[in-house]
Amino acid sequence: MSLIDTIIAQVLKLEVNLYYARGRLEDRSDPEALHDLRITVRRLRSLLNPLRGKGVVDALDQAAVAVGRLTTPTRDLEVLAEELRNRGLSEPANRREATLAARYTEIVQSPILQQLLVCLDAWPADLRAAKRDGELRLLDKLLSKRLRKQLVRLQDALADPQHDPHRIRLLVKRNRYAADAYPQHSPVSAQMASVLKAVQAELGAWHDRYQWCLKVSQEPDLAPLRQQWQSEAAMAMAQAEGVLLTLAGLLASAGKTRARATAGGPL
């Protein structure tokens, strides 16, 4: 199967997953429907990101970005409501959950989501046309180059003593999902992928609690959990920093191996 065919096959699979998630969200048949919809959109963007700058890619990517922005507040509310319920704060959880049904309907009926589906329907034919027109020349080399640069950006961000955990989290997710999308082109090894997953989990736990603490000043009913969230955020960050040290070591080792290979020296 050619690279173009492989990309199209992945996009078609993601399109099926998106329709399935939307149907479950519309039917209220699965509490994970919105989460799955967002994961599908994230994987689509990871597939498209290394191809950015190509005209055939940009419209679909922009449609995916719009759906991500549309769904983020509702997903954040879902996660917070679940956290409150698990902590035994039923009334605050109930107040937030009461608005979710209307939000789900807005998402399902949104022209923003419909636009993404329309773009997905047309995209395979558009991609093949772009290939015929010569827009996708040297695609293999482009993918390999951009995925290497993406990993170097993560390495550089980690090397900064004042590294921003928000940026690190974004770069970790981007590299992890890109490796899933393009395993033949990504420099991410199986071991590194496992570490990226661990980092994402720890930084995700930190990020949630960091954001919840920020909400306390506007949502006073969250105040009983602030101290606990602060403690848990600090713990998650400490654990993340430990895994990031492992990741930095793997990146440095991989960089040296690539340098020796480029120089023609022994591997």
Foldseek 3Di string as FASTA:
>chain_A
DDPLVLLLVLLVVLLVQLVVLLVCLLVVPDLCSLVSNLVSLLLNLLLLVLVPPQPLRVVLNVLSVVLNVLSVVLVLLSVVLVVCVVVVNPVVSVVSVVCNNVSSVCSSPPVSSVSNSVSSVCRSVSSVVCVVVVSCPPVLVSLLVSLVVLLVVLLVLLVPPPRDLVVNLVSLSSNLSNCVSCVPRHLQDPVLSVLSVLLNVLSVLLVSLVVLLVCCVVPVVSVVCNVVSVVSNVVSVVVSVVSVVVNSVVSVVSVVVVVCVVVVHDD
